[in-house]
Full PDB file with SEQRES, HELIX, SHEET, SSBOND, CRYST1, ORIGX, SCALE, CONECT and MASTER records, all heavy atoms in Angstrom:
SEQRES   1 A   46  GLY CYS ILE TYR VAL HIS THR GLU ASN TYR CYS SER SER          
SEQRES   2 A   46  PRO LEU ARG PHE ALA GLY GLY LEU PRO VAL THR THR LYS          
SEQRES   3 A   46  SER ASP LYS THR ALA HIS GLY TYR GLY THR GLN SER ILE          
SEQRES   4 A   46  ARG PHE VAL ALA GLU LYS TYR                                  
HELIX    1 AA1 TYR A   34  LYS A   45  1                                  12    
SHEET    1 AA1 2 PHE A  17  ALA A  18  0                                        
SHEET    2 AA1 2 LEU A  21  PRO A  22 -1                                        
CRYST1    1.000    1.000    1.000  90.00  90.00  90.00 P 1           1          
ORIGX1      1.000000  0.000000  0.000000        0.00000                         
ORIGX2      0.000000  1.000000  0.000000        0.00000                         
ORIGX3      0.000000  0.000000  1.000000        0.00000                         
SCALE1      1.000000  0.000000  0.000000        0.00000                         
SCALE2      0.000000  1.000000  0.000000        0.00000                         
SCALE3      0.000000  0.000000  1.000000        0.00000                         
ATOM      1  N   GLY A   1      -2.722 -11.905  18.099  1.00  0.00           N  
ATOM      2  CA  GLY A   1      -3.968 -11.434  17.519  1.00  0.00           C  
ATOM      3  C   GLY A   1      -3.909 -10.039  16.950  1.00  0.00           C  
ATOM      4  O   GLY A   1      -4.928  -9.514  16.482  1.00  0.00           O  
ATOM      5  N   CYS A   2      -2.743  -9.402  16.970  1.00  0.00           N  
ATOM      6  CA  CYS A   2      -2.577  -8.038  16.443  1.00  0.00           C  
ATOM      7  C   CYS A   2      -1.647  -8.068  15.233  1.00  0.00           C  
ATOM      8  O   CYS A   2      -0.905  -9.030  15.013  1.00  0.00           O  
ATOM      9  CB  CYS A   2      -2.011  -7.123  17.516  1.00  0.00           C  
ATOM     10  SG  CYS A   2      -3.036  -6.972  18.994  1.00  0.00           S  
ATOM     11  N   ILE A   3      -1.713  -7.007  14.464  1.00  0.00           N  
ATOM     12  CA  ILE A   3      -0.804  -6.845  13.327  1.00  0.00           C  
ATOM     13  C   ILE A   3       0.373  -6.010  13.805  1.00  0.00           C  
ATOM     14  O   ILE A   3       0.211  -4.891  14.293  1.00  0.00           O  
ATOM     15  CB  ILE A   3      -1.512  -6.167  12.145  1.00  0.00           C  
ATOM     16  CG1 ILE A   3      -2.651  -7.065  11.656  1.00  0.00           C  
ATOM     17  CG2 ILE A   3      -0.528  -5.891  11.019  1.00  0.00           C  
ATOM     18  CD1 ILE A   3      -3.516  -6.409  10.602  1.00  0.00           C  
ATOM     19  N   TYR A   4       1.570  -6.554  13.646  1.00  0.00           N  
ATOM     20  CA  TYR A   4       2.782  -5.978  14.214  1.00  0.00           C  
ATOM     21  C   TYR A   4       3.737  -5.605  13.081  1.00  0.00           C  
ATOM     22  O   TYR A   4       4.181  -6.467  12.313  1.00  0.00           O  
ATOM     23  CB  TYR A   4       3.414  -7.003  15.159  1.00  0.00           C  
ATOM     24  CG  TYR A   4       4.717  -6.616  15.778  1.00  0.00           C  
ATOM     25  CD1 TYR A   4       4.807  -5.587  16.719  1.00  0.00           C  
ATOM     26  CD2 TYR A   4       5.884  -7.298  15.441  1.00  0.00           C  
ATOM     27  CE1 TYR A   4       6.009  -5.262  17.307  1.00  0.00           C  
ATOM     28  CE2 TYR A   4       7.097  -6.977  16.020  1.00  0.00           C  
ATOM     29  CZ  TYR A   4       7.159  -5.958  16.956  1.00  0.00           C  
ATOM     30  OH  TYR A   4       8.359  -5.630  17.530  1.00  0.00           O  
ATOM     31  N   VAL A   5       4.035  -4.319  12.976  1.00  0.00           N  
ATOM     32  CA  VAL A   5       4.995  -3.814  11.988  1.00  0.00           C  
ATOM     33  C   VAL A   5       6.206  -3.300  12.756  1.00  0.00           C  
ATOM     34  O   VAL A   5       6.073  -2.483  13.679  1.00  0.00           O  
ATOM     35  CB  VAL A   5       4.386  -2.683  11.137  1.00  0.00           C  
ATOM     36  CG1 VAL A   5       5.377  -2.226  10.071  1.00  0.00           C  
ATOM     37  CG2 VAL A   5       3.083  -3.132  10.499  1.00  0.00           C  
ATOM     38  N   HIS A   6       7.372  -3.784  12.380  1.00  0.00           N  
ATOM     39  CA  HIS A   6       8.559  -3.488  13.185  1.00  0.00           C  
ATOM     40  C   HIS A   6       9.777  -3.282  12.284  1.00  0.00           C  
ATOM     41  O   HIS A   6       9.986  -4.028  11.329  1.00  0.00           O  
ATOM     42  CB  HIS A   6       8.817  -4.645  14.150  1.00  0.00           C  
ATOM     43  CG  HIS A   6      10.136  -4.571  14.853  1.00  0.00           C  
ATOM     44  ND1 HIS A   6      10.341  -3.821  15.989  1.00  0.00           N  
ATOM     45  CD2 HIS A   6      11.335  -5.166  14.582  1.00  0.00           C  
ATOM     46  CE1 HIS A   6      11.584  -3.950  16.397  1.00  0.00           C  
ATOM     47  NE2 HIS A   6      12.219  -4.761  15.554  1.00  0.00           N  
ATOM     48  N   THR A   7      10.559  -2.271  12.593  1.00  0.00           N  
ATOM     49  CA  THR A   7      11.880  -2.113  11.989  1.00  0.00           C  
ATOM     50  C   THR A   7      12.880  -1.896  13.105  1.00  0.00           C  
ATOM     51  O   THR A   7      12.572  -1.300  14.146  1.00  0.00           O  
ATOM     52  CB  THR A   7      11.964  -0.922  11.010  1.00  0.00           C  
ATOM     53  OG1 THR A   7      11.589   0.288  11.685  1.00  0.00           O  
ATOM     54  CG2 THR A   7      11.102  -1.137   9.791  1.00  0.00           C  
ATOM     55  N   GLU A   8      14.064  -2.387  12.872  1.00  0.00           N  
ATOM     56  CA  GLU A   8      15.167  -2.102  13.785  1.00  0.00           C  
ATOM     57  C   GLU A   8      16.429  -1.910  12.964  1.00  0.00           C  
ATOM     58  O   GLU A   8      16.617  -2.550  11.925  1.00  0.00           O  
ATOM     59  CB  GLU A   8      15.349  -3.213  14.819  1.00  0.00           C  
ATOM     60  CG  GLU A   8      15.703  -4.568  14.244  1.00  0.00           C  
ATOM     61  CD  GLU A   8      15.810  -5.631  15.331  1.00  0.00           C  
ATOM     62  OE1 GLU A   8      14.809  -5.834  16.032  1.00  0.00           O  
ATOM     63  OE2 GLU A   8      16.884  -6.248  15.448  1.00  0.00           O  
ATOM     64  N   ASN A   9      17.268  -1.017  13.399  1.00  0.00           N  
ATOM     65  CA  ASN A   9      18.520  -0.755  12.704  1.00  0.00           C  
ATOM     66  C   ASN A   9      19.596  -0.398  13.707  1.00  0.00           C  
ATOM     67  O   ASN A   9      19.316   0.157  14.779  1.00  0.00           O  
ATOM     68  CB  ASN A   9      18.356   0.380  11.683  1.00  0.00           C  
ATOM     69  CG  ASN A   9      17.939   1.684  12.302  1.00  0.00           C  
ATOM     70  OD1 ASN A   9      16.754   1.915  12.522  1.00  0.00           O  
ATOM     71  ND2 ASN A   9      18.909   2.555  12.592  1.00  0.00           N  
ATOM     72  N   TYR A  10      20.818  -0.738  13.352  1.00  0.00           N  
ATOM     73  CA  TYR A  10      21.942  -0.453  14.242  1.00  0.00           C  
ATOM     74  C   TYR A  10      22.118   1.052  14.394  1.00  0.00           C  
ATOM     75  O   TYR A  10      22.039   1.805  13.423  1.00  0.00           O  
ATOM     76  CB  TYR A  10      23.223  -1.078  13.687  1.00  0.00           C  
ATOM     77  CG  TYR A  10      24.402  -0.933  14.620  1.00  0.00           C  
ATOM     78  CD1 TYR A  10      24.549  -1.781  15.712  1.00  0.00           C  
ATOM     79  CD2 TYR A  10      25.355   0.057  14.410  1.00  0.00           C  
ATOM     80  CE1 TYR A  10      25.627  -1.649  16.578  1.00  0.00           C  
ATOM     81  CE2 TYR A  10      26.437   0.197  15.270  1.00  0.00           C  
ATOM     82  CZ  TYR A  10      26.564  -0.658  16.353  1.00  0.00           C  
ATOM     83  OH  TYR A  10      27.616  -0.508  17.211  1.00  0.00           O  
ATOM     84  N   CYS A  11      22.355   1.489  15.635  1.00  0.00           N  
ATOM     85  CA  CYS A  11      22.510   2.919  15.911  1.00  0.00           C  
ATOM     86  C   CYS A  11      23.526   3.068  17.034  1.00  0.00           C  
ATOM     87  O   CYS A  11      23.212   2.811  18.206  1.00  0.00           O  
ATOM     88  CB  CYS A  11      21.158   3.527  16.305  1.00  0.00           C  
ATOM     89  SG  CYS A  11      21.224   5.309  16.582  1.00  0.00           S  
ATOM     90  N   SER A  12      24.735   3.456  16.683  1.00  0.00           N  
ATOM     91  CA  SER A  12      25.817   3.538  17.665  1.00  0.00           C  
ATOM     92  C   SER A  12      25.744   4.796  18.519  1.00  0.00           C  
ATOM     93  O   SER A  12      26.336   4.853  19.590  1.00  0.00           O  
ATOM     94  CB  SER A  12      27.173   3.500  16.947  1.00  0.00           C  
ATOM     95  OG  SER A  12      27.267   4.570  16.001  1.00  0.00           O  
ATOM     96  N   SER A  13      25.008   5.817  18.057  1.00  0.00           N  
ATOM     97  CA  SER A  13      24.928   7.088  18.788  1.00  0.00           C  
ATOM     98  C   SER A  13      23.638   7.140  19.590  1.00  0.00           C  
ATOM     99  O   SER A  13      22.577   6.762  19.083  1.00  0.00           O  
ATOM    100  CB  SER A  13      24.981   8.269  17.813  1.00  0.00           C  
ATOM    101  OG  SER A  13      26.156   8.229  17.039  1.00  0.00           O  
ATOM    102  N   PRO A  14      23.695   7.630  20.816  1.00  0.00           N  
ATOM    103  CA  PRO A  14      22.463   7.760  21.623  1.00  0.00           C  
ATOM    104  C   PRO A  14      21.535   8.805  21.020  1.00  0.00           C  
ATOM    105  O   PRO A  14      21.983   9.817  20.477  1.00  0.00           O  
ATOM    106  CB  PRO A  14      22.979   8.204  23.000  1.00  0.00           C  
ATOM    107  CG  PRO A  14      24.320   8.833  22.726  1.00  0.00           C  
ATOM    108  CD  PRO A  14      24.885   8.090  21.555  1.00  0.00           C  
ATOM    109  N   LEU A  15      20.244   8.549  21.099  1.00  0.00           N  
ATOM    110  CA  LEU A  15      19.245   9.456  20.549  1.00  0.00           C  
ATOM    111  C   LEU A  15      18.524  10.177  21.668  1.00  0.00           C  
ATOM    112  O   LEU A  15      18.374   9.658  22.777  1.00  0.00           O  
ATOM    113  CB  LEU A  15      18.232   8.676  19.695  1.00  0.00           C  
ATOM    114  CG  LEU A  15      18.774   7.982  18.450  1.00  0.00           C  
ATOM    115  CD1 LEU A  15      17.670   7.189  17.774  1.00  0.00           C  
ATOM    116  CD2 LEU A  15      19.373   8.990  17.476  1.00  0.00           C  
ATOM    117  N   ARG A  16      18.068  11.382  21.355  1.00  0.00           N  
ATOM    118  CA  ARG A  16      17.266  12.156  22.298  1.00  0.00           C  
ATOM    119  C   ARG A  16      15.833  12.158  21.807  1.00  0.00           C  
ATOM    120  O   ARG A  16      15.572  12.321  20.619  1.00  0.00           O  
ATOM    121  CB  ARG A  16      17.805  13.590  22.395  1.00  0.00           C  
ATOM    122  CG  ARG A  16      17.101  14.436  23.451  1.00  0.00           C  
ATOM    123  CD  ARG A  16      17.918  15.690  23.751  1.00  0.00           C  
ATOM    124  NE  ARG A  16      18.060  16.532  22.584  1.00  0.00           N  
ATOM    125  CZ  ARG A  16      17.215  17.512  22.267  1.00  0.00           C  
ATOM    126  NH1 ARG A  16      16.150  17.750  23.028  1.00  0.00           N  
ATOM    127  NH2 ARG A  16      17.414  18.256  21.191  1.00  0.00           N  
ATOM    128  N   PHE A  17      14.888  11.953  22.722  1.00  0.00           N  
ATOM    129  CA  PHE A  17      13.480  11.845  22.362  1.00  0.00           C  
ATOM    130  C   PHE A  17      12.702  13.020  22.935  1.00  0.00           C  
ATOM    131  O   PHE A  17      13.009  13.537  24.008  1.00  0.00           O  
ATOM    132  CB  PHE A  17      12.888  10.532  22.880  1.00  0.00           C  
ATOM    133  CG  PHE A  17      13.379   9.316  22.162  1.00  0.00           C  
ATOM    134  CD1 PHE A  17      14.622   8.769  22.457  1.00  0.00           C  
ATOM    135  CD2 PHE A  17      12.615   8.719  21.173  1.00  0.00           C  
ATOM    136  CE1 PHE A  17      15.083   7.649  21.794  1.00  0.00           C  
ATOM    137  CE2 PHE A  17      13.065   7.604  20.500  1.00  0.00           C  
ATOM    138  CZ  PHE A  17      14.305   7.059  20.814  1.00  0.00           C  
ATOM    139  N   ALA A  18      11.682  13.435  22.195  1.00  0.00           N  
ATOM    140  CA  ALA A  18      10.763  14.483  22.649  1.00  0.00           C  
ATOM    141  C   ALA A  18       9.369  14.120  22.165  1.00  0.00           C  
ATOM    142  O   ALA A  18       9.152  13.926  20.965  1.00  0.00           O  
ATOM    143  CB  ALA A  18      11.176  15.858  22.109  1.00  0.00           C  
ATOM    144  N   GLY A  19       8.431  14.007  23.084  1.00  0.00           N  
ATOM    145  CA  GLY A  19       7.075  13.640  22.714  1.00  0.00           C  
ATOM    146  C   GLY A  19       6.956  12.253  22.144  1.00  0.00           C  
ATOM    147  O   GLY A  19       6.075  11.981  21.326  1.00  0.00           O  
ATOM    148  N   GLY A  20       7.861  11.341  22.558  1.00  0.00           N  
ATOM    149  CA  GLY A  20       7.820   9.973  22.068  1.00  0.00           C  
ATOM    150  C   GLY A  20       8.474   9.779  20.716  1.00  0.00           C  
ATOM    151  O   GLY A  20       8.522   8.655  20.212  1.00  0.00           O  
ATOM    152  N   LEU A  21       9.020  10.845  20.112  1.00  0.00           N  
ATOM    153  CA  LEU A  21       9.671  10.759  18.810  1.00  0.00           C  
ATOM    154  C   LEU A  21      11.126  11.185  18.939  1.00  0.00           C  
ATOM    155  O   LEU A  21      11.451  12.064  19.738  1.00  0.00           O  
ATOM    156  CB  LEU A  21       8.962  11.658  17.783  1.00  0.00           C  
ATOM    157  CG  LEU A  21       7.480  11.368  17.505  1.00  0.00           C  
ATOM    158  CD1 LEU A  21       6.933  12.397  16.528  1.00  0.00           C  
ATOM    159  CD2 LEU A  21       7.303   9.962  16.949  1.00  0.00           C  
ATOM    160  N   PRO A  22      12.020  10.586  18.148  1.00  0.00           N  
ATOM    161  CA  PRO A  22      13.423  11.004  18.207  1.00  0.00           C  
ATOM    162  C   PRO A  22      13.591  12.403  17.643  1.00  0.00           C  
ATOM    163  O   PRO A  22      12.956  12.769  16.652  1.00  0.00           O  
ATOM    164  CB  PRO A  22      14.134   9.962  17.329  1.00  0.00           C  
ATOM    165  CG  PRO A  22      13.075   9.463  16.398  1.00  0.00           C  
ATOM    166  CD  PRO A  22      11.787   9.505  17.172  1.00  0.00           C  
ATOM    167  N   VAL A  23      14.448  13.189  18.290  1.00  0.00           N  
ATOM    168  CA  VAL A  23      14.735  14.547  17.823  1.00  0.00           C  
ATOM    169  C   VAL A  23      15.757  14.455  16.704  1.00  0.00           C  
ATOM    170  O   VAL A  23      16.792  13.795  16.835  1.00  0.00           O  
ATOM    171  CB  VAL A  23      15.270  15.420  18.967  1.00  0.00           C  
ATOM    172  CG1 VAL A  23      15.642  16.808  18.451  1.00  0.00           C  
ATOM    173  CG2 VAL A  23      14.229  15.527  20.073  1.00  0.00           C  
ATOM    174  N   THR A  24      15.476  15.106  15.584  1.00  0.00           N  
ATOM    175  CA  THR A  24      16.377  15.051  14.444  1.00  0.00           C  
ATOM    176  C   THR A  24      17.737  15.618  14.798  1.00  0.00           C  
ATOM    177  O   THR A  24      17.856  16.581  15.557  1.00  0.00           O  
ATOM    178  CB  THR A  24      15.790  15.805  13.230  1.00  0.00           C  
ATOM    179  OG1 THR A  24      16.730  15.727  12.142  1.00  0.00           O  
ATOM    180  CG2 THR A  24      15.548  17.261  13.563  1.00  0.00           C  
ATOM    181  N   THR A  25      18.782  15.002  14.266  1.00  0.00           N  
ATOM    182  CA  THR A  25      20.145  15.468  14.512  1.00  0.00           C  
ATOM    183  C   THR A  25      20.616  16.420  13.425  1.00  0.00           C  
ATOM    184  O   THR A  25      21.746  16.895  13.467  1.00  0.00           O  
ATOM    185  CB  THR A  25      21.111  14.266  14.570  1.00  0.00           C  
ATOM    186  OG1 THR A  25      21.013  13.514  13.354  1.00  0.00           O  
ATOM    187  CG2 THR A  25      20.771  13.362  15.736  1.00  0.00           C  
ATOM    188  N   LYS A  26      19.760  16.726  12.474  1.00  0.00           N  
ATOM    189  CA  LYS A  26      20.143  17.628  11.391  1.00  0.00           C  
ATOM    190  C   LYS A  26      20.088  19.071  11.853  1.00  0.00           C  
ATOM    191  O   LYS A  26      19.330  19.423  12.752  1.00  0.00           O  
ATOM    192  CB  LYS A  26      19.227  17.420  10.184  1.00  0.00           C  
ATOM    193  CG  LYS A  26      19.319  16.008   9.599  1.00  0.00           C  
ATOM    194  CD  LYS A  26      18.365  15.828   8.442  1.00  0.00           C  
ATOM    195  CE  LYS A  26      18.445  14.414   7.872  1.00  0.00           C  
ATOM    196  NZ  LYS A  26      17.498  14.187   6.780  1.00  0.00           N  
ATOM    197  N   SER A  27      20.899  19.914  11.224  1.00  0.00           N  
ATOM    198  CA  SER A  27      20.994  21.307  11.658  1.00  0.00           C  
ATOM    199  C   SER A  27      19.715  22.080  11.383  1.00  0.00           C  
ATOM    200  O   SER A  27      19.323  22.944  12.155  1.00  0.00           O  
ATOM    201  CB  SER A  27      22.177  21.991  10.950  1.00  0.00           C  
ATOM    202  OG  SER A  27      22.015  21.920   9.536  1.00  0.00           O  
ATOM    203  N   ASP A  28      19.027  21.757  10.291  1.00  0.00           N  
ATOM    204  CA  ASP A  28      17.783  22.454   9.948  1.00  0.00           C  
ATOM    205  C   ASP A  28      16.618  21.719  10.588  1.00  0.00           C  
ATOM    206  O   ASP A  28      16.069  20.780  10.043  1.00  0.00           O  
ATOM    207  CB  ASP A  28      17.608  22.518   8.430  1.00  0.00           C  
ATOM    208  CG  ASP A  28      16.385  23.340   8.025  1.00  0.00           C  
ATOM    209  OD1 ASP A  28      15.700  23.871   8.924  1.00  0.00           O  
ATOM    210  OD2 ASP A  28      16.127  23.445   6.811  1.00  0.00           O  
ATOM    211  N   LYS A  29      16.220  22.151  11.800  1.00  0.00           N  
ATOM    212  CA  LYS A  29      15.180  21.455  12.548  1.00  0.00           C  
ATOM    213  C   LYS A  29      13.801  21.619  11.915  1.00  0.00           C  
ATOM    214  O   LYS A  29      12.914  20.808  12.128  1.00  0.00           O  
ATOM    215  CB  LYS A  29      15.129  21.998  13.987  1.00  0.00           C  
ATOM    216  CG  LYS A  29      16.469  21.966  14.705  1.00  0.00           C  
ATOM    217  CD  LYS A  29      16.973  20.574  14.906  1.00  0.00           C  
ATOM    218  CE  LYS A  29      18.258  20.542  15.706  1.00  0.00           C  
ATOM    219  NZ  LYS A  29      18.829  19.216  15.857  1.00  0.00           N  
ATOM    220  N   THR A  30      13.618  22.698  11.151  1.00  0.00           N  
ATOM    221  CA  THR A  30      12.293  22.965  10.597  1.00  0.00           C  
ATOM    222  C   THR A  30      12.012  22.134   9.366  1.00  0.00           C  
ATOM    223  O   THR A  30      10.858  21.954   8.988  1.00  0.00           O  
ATOM    224  CB  THR A  30      12.160  24.455  10.244  1.00  0.00           C  
ATOM    225  OG1 THR A  30      13.142  24.812   9.253  1.00  0.00           O  
ATOM    226  CG2 THR A  30      12.370  25.318  11.478  1.00  0.00           C  
ATOM    227  N   ALA A  31      13.051  21.638   8.709  1.00  0.00           N  
ATOM    228  CA  ALA A  31      12.856  20.930   7.440  1.00  0.00           C  
ATOM    229  C   ALA A  31      12.868  19.425   7.605  1.00  0.00           C  
ATOM    230  O   ALA A  31      12.651  18.697   6.663  1.00  0.00           O  
ATOM    231  CB  ALA A  31      13.951  21.349   6.437  1.00  0.00           C  
ATOM    232  N   HIS A  32      13.143  18.961   8.824  1.00  0.00           N  
ATOM    233  CA  HIS A  32      13.264  17.522   9.034  1.00  0.00           C  
ATOM    234  C   HIS A  32      12.466  17.105  10.261  1.00  0.00           C  
ATOM    235  O   HIS A  32      12.011  17.913  11.038  1.00  0.00           O  
ATOM    236  CB  HIS A  32      14.741  17.141   9.190  1.00  0.00           C  
ATOM    237  CG  HIS A  32      15.569  17.467   7.980  1.00  0.00           C  
ATOM    238  ND1 HIS A  32      15.535  16.710   6.832  1.00  0.00           N  
ATOM    239  CD2 HIS A  32      16.422  18.490   7.733  1.00  0.00           C  
ATOM    240  CE1 HIS A  32      16.353  17.247   5.935  1.00  0.00           C  
ATOM    241  NE2 HIS A  32      16.896  18.325   6.455  1.00  0.00           N  
ATOM    242  N   GLY A  33      12.348  15.783  10.446  1.00  0.00           N  
ATOM    243  CA  GLY A  33      11.606  15.256  11.576  1.00  0.00           C  
ATOM    244  C   GLY A  33      10.181  14.894  11.231  1.00  0.00           C  
ATOM    245  O   GLY A  33       9.467  14.316  12.048  1.00  0.00           O  
ATOM    246  N   TYR A  34       9.734  15.220   9.998  1.00  0.00           N  
ATOM    247  CA  TYR A  34       8.360  14.929   9.617  1.00  0.00           C  
ATOM    248  C   TYR A  34       8.180  13.484   9.185  1.00  0.00           C  
ATOM    249  O   TYR A  34       7.052  12.999   9.110  1.00  0.00           O  
ATOM    250  CB  TYR A  34       7.892  15.876   8.511  1.00  0.00           C  
ATOM    251  CG  TYR A  34       7.679  17.276   9.020  1.00  0.00           C  
ATOM    252  CD1 TYR A  34       8.600  18.271   8.765  1.00  0.00           C  
ATOM    253  CD2 TYR A  34       6.553  17.599   9.774  1.00  0.00           C  
ATOM    254  CE1 TYR A  34       8.412  19.560   9.248  1.00  0.00           C  
ATOM    255  CE2 TYR A  34       6.351  18.878  10.252  1.00  0.00           C  
ATOM    256  CZ  TYR A  34       7.290  19.854   9.982  1.00  0.00           C  
ATOM    257  OH  TYR A  34       7.111  21.121  10.465  1.00  0.00           O  
ATOM    258  N   GLY A  35       9.274  12.774   8.909  1.00  0.00           N  
ATOM    259  CA  GLY A  35       9.159  11.363   8.555  1.00  0.00           C  
ATOM    260  C   GLY A  35       8.601  10.550   9.709  1.00  0.00           C  
ATOM    261  O   GLY A  35       7.687   9.738   9.532  1.00  0.00           O  
ATOM    262  N   THR A  36       9.135  10.761  10.917  1.00  0.00           N  
ATOM    263  CA  THR A  36       8.641  10.044  12.085  1.00  0.00           C  
ATOM    264  C   THR A  36       7.223  10.491  12.436  1.00  0.00           C  
ATOM    265  O   THR A  36       6.397   9.684  12.865  1.00  0.00           O  
ATOM    266  CB  THR A  36       9.570  10.269  13.286  1.00  0.00           C  
ATOM    267  OG1 THR A  36       9.770  11.678  13.486  1.00  0.00           O  
ATOM    268  CG2 THR A  36      10.913   9.600  13.059  1.00  0.00           C  
ATOM    269  N   GLN A  37       6.929  11.772  12.253  1.00  0.00           N  
ATOM    270  CA  GLN A  37       5.568  12.247  12.500  1.00  0.00           C  
ATOM    271  C   GLN A  37       4.588  11.640  11.500  1.00  0.00           C  
ATOM    272  O   GLN A  37       3.437  11.345  11.839  1.00  0.00           O  
ATOM    273  CB  GLN A  37       5.521  13.767  12.420  1.00  0.00           C  
ATOM    274  CG  GLN A  37       6.289  14.466  13.532  1.00  0.00           C  
ATOM    275  CD  GLN A  37       6.145  15.968  13.482  1.00  0.00           C  
ATOM    276  OE1 GLN A  37       5.058  16.490  13.289  1.00  0.00           O  
ATOM    277  NE2 GLN A  37       7.243  16.673  13.656  1.00  0.00           N  
ATOM    278  N   SER A  38       5.058  11.446  10.266  1.00  0.00           N  
ATOM    279  CA  SER A  38       4.203  10.838   9.253  1.00  0.00           C  
ATOM    280  C   SER A  38       3.895   9.386   9.605  1.00  0.00           C  
ATOM    281  O   SER A  38       2.779   8.897   9.370  1.00  0.00           O  
ATOM    282  CB  SER A  38       4.879  10.919   7.880  1.00  0.00           C  
ATOM    283  OG  SER A  38       4.065  10.354   6.886  1.00  0.00           O  
ATOM    284  N   ILE A  39       4.871   8.675  10.185  1.00  0.00           N  
ATOM    285  CA  ILE A  39       4.634   7.295  10.632  1.00  0.00           C  
ATOM    286  C   ILE A  39       3.507   7.274  11.650  1.00  0.00           C  
ATOM    287  O   ILE A  39       2.576   6.465  11.564  1.00  0.00           O  
ATOM    288  CB  ILE A  39       5.930   6.705  11.228  1.00  0.00           C  
ATOM    289  CG1 ILE A  39       6.990   6.532  10.134  1.00  0.00           C  
ATOM    290  CG2 ILE A  39       5.643   5.365  11.912  1.00  0.00           C  
ATOM    291  CD1 ILE A  39       8.353   6.139  10.651  1.00  0.00           C  
ATOM    292  N   ARG A  40       3.579   8.160  12.621  1.00  0.00           N  
ATOM    293  CA  ARG A  40       2.529   8.228  13.642  1.00  0.00           C  
ATOM    294  C   ARG A  40       1.198   8.640  13.026  1.00  0.00           C  
ATOM    295  O   ARG A  40       0.142   8.089  13.388  1.00  0.00           O  
ATOM    296  CB  ARG A  40       2.948   9.208  14.736  1.00  0.00           C  
ATOM    297  CG  ARG A  40       1.869   9.444  15.793  1.00  0.00           C  
ATOM    298  CD  ARG A  40       2.326  10.420  16.853  1.00  0.00           C  
ATOM    299  NE  ARG A  40       3.303   9.811  17.755  1.00  0.00           N  
ATOM    300  CZ  ARG A  40       3.856  10.480  18.767  1.00  0.00           C  
ATOM    301  NH1 ARG A  40       3.568  11.752  18.970  1.00  0.00           N  
ATOM    302  NH2 ARG A  40       4.720   9.867  19.563  1.00  0.00           N  
ATOM    303  N   PHE A  41       1.241   9.584  12.096  1.00  0.00           N  
ATOM    304  CA  PHE A  41       0.021  10.082  11.458  1.00  0.00           C  
ATOM    305  C   PHE A  41      -0.708   8.949  10.743  1.00  0.00           C  
ATOM    306  O   PHE A  41      -1.919   8.771  10.897  1.00  0.00           O  
ATOM    307  CB  PHE A  41       0.389  11.200  10.481  1.00  0.00           C  
ATOM    308  CG  PHE A  41      -0.789  11.808   9.771  1.00  0.00           C  
ATOM    309  CD1 PHE A  41      -1.524  12.821  10.355  1.00  0.00           C  
ATOM    310  CD2 PHE A  41      -1.158  11.374   8.503  1.00  0.00           C  
ATOM    311  CE1 PHE A  41      -2.603  13.390   9.701  1.00  0.00           C  
ATOM    312  CE2 PHE A  41      -2.234  11.926   7.833  1.00  0.00           C  
ATOM    313  CZ  PHE A  41      -2.961  12.944   8.441  1.00  0.00           C  
ATOM    314  N   VAL A  42       0.023   8.146   9.950  1.00  0.00           N  
ATOM    315  CA  VAL A  42      -0.593   7.051   9.199  1.00  0.00           C  
ATOM    316  C   VAL A  42      -1.086   5.967  10.149  1.00  0.00           C  
ATOM    317  O   VAL A  42      -2.197   5.436   9.988  1.00  0.00           O  
ATOM    318  CB  VAL A  42       0.405   6.458   8.185  1.00  0.00           C  
ATOM    319  CG1 VAL A  42      -0.176   5.220   7.522  1.00  0.00           C  
ATOM    320  CG2 VAL A  42       0.764   7.499   7.133  1.00  0.00           C  
ATOM    321  N   ALA A  43      -0.289   5.628  11.158  1.00  0.00           N  
ATOM    322  CA  ALA A  43      -0.681   4.576  12.093  1.00  0.00           C  
ATOM    323  C   ALA A  43      -1.968   4.952  12.827  1.00  0.00           C  
ATOM    324  O   ALA A  43      -2.897   4.142  12.940  1.00  0.00           O  
ATOM    325  CB  ALA A  43       0.445   4.322  13.090  1.00  0.00           C  
ATOM    326  N   GLU A  44      -2.035   6.176  13.319  1.00  0.00           N  
ATOM    327  CA  GLU A  44      -3.221   6.616  14.064  1.00  0.00           C  
ATOM    328  C   GLU A  44      -4.445   6.732  13.167  1.00  0.00           C  
ATOM    329  O   GLU A  44      -5.572   6.615  13.640  1.00  0.00           O  
ATOM    330  CB  GLU A  44      -2.925   7.943  14.765  1.00  0.00           C  
ATOM    331  CG  GLU A  44      -1.898   7.807  15.887  1.00  0.00           C  
ATOM    332  CD  GLU A  44      -1.594   9.129  16.567  1.00  0.00           C  
ATOM    333  OE1 GLU A  44      -2.023  10.182  16.033  1.00  0.00           O  
ATOM    334  OE2 GLU A  44      -0.918   9.120  17.613  1.00  0.00           O  
ATOM    335  N   LYS A  45      -4.218   6.963  11.873  1.00  0.00           N  
ATOM    336  CA  LYS A  45      -5.327   7.020  10.922  1.00  0.00           C  
ATOM    337  C   LYS A  45      -6.092   5.706  10.910  1.00  0.00           C  
ATOM    338  O   LYS A  45      -7.312   5.681  10.707  1.00  0.00           O  
ATOM    339  CB  LYS A  45      -4.782   7.345   9.525  1.00  0.00           C  
ATOM    340  CG  LYS A  45      -5.828   7.375   8.424  1.00  0.00           C  
ATOM    341  CD  LYS A  45      -5.183   7.721   7.083  1.00  0.00           C  
ATOM    342  CE  LYS A  45      -6.201   7.697   5.953  1.00  0.00           C  
ATOM    343  NZ  LYS A  45      -5.568   8.021   4.643  1.00  0.00           N  
ATOM    344  N   TYR A  46      -5.388   4.586  11.159  1.00  0.00           N  
ATOM    345  CA  TYR A  46      -6.018   3.270  11.153  1.00  0.00           C  
ATOM    346  C   TYR A  46      -6.137   2.683  12.569  1.00  0.00           C  
ATOM    347  O   TYR A  46      -6.263   1.471  12.734  1.00  0.00           O  
ATOM    348  CB  TYR A  46      -5.222   2.316  10.252  1.00  0.00           C  
ATOM    349  CG  TYR A  46      -5.274   2.709   8.792  1.00  0.00           C  
ATOM    350  CD1 TYR A  46      -4.311   3.557   8.244  1.00  0.00           C  
ATOM    351  CD2 TYR A  46      -6.295   2.264   7.960  1.00  0.00           C  
ATOM    352  CE1 TYR A  46      -4.361   3.929   6.903  1.00  0.00           C  
ATOM    353  CE2 TYR A  46      -6.346   2.628   6.628  1.00  0.00           C  
ATOM    354  CZ  TYR A  46      -5.385   3.465   6.106  1.00  0.00           C  
ATOM    355  OH  TYR A  46      -5.426   3.844   4.779  1.00  0.00           O  
TER     356      TYR A  46                                                      
MASTER        0    0    0    1    2    0    0    6  355    1    0    4          
END                                                                             
C-alpha cells in the first residue's frame, strides 16, 4: 500500500555513516555529500 523507490549498487568498500547518511569519501568534505542530503530533503518534502 506504499510507494517504494529503491536503488542498489555494488559497493566493495565499507561505508561509514553519520546521521543516517553515508560520509563522503572525497577529500573536500565541504563540497560534497549534498546529493544524499538532497534525497532526504525531497523525500521529506512529500
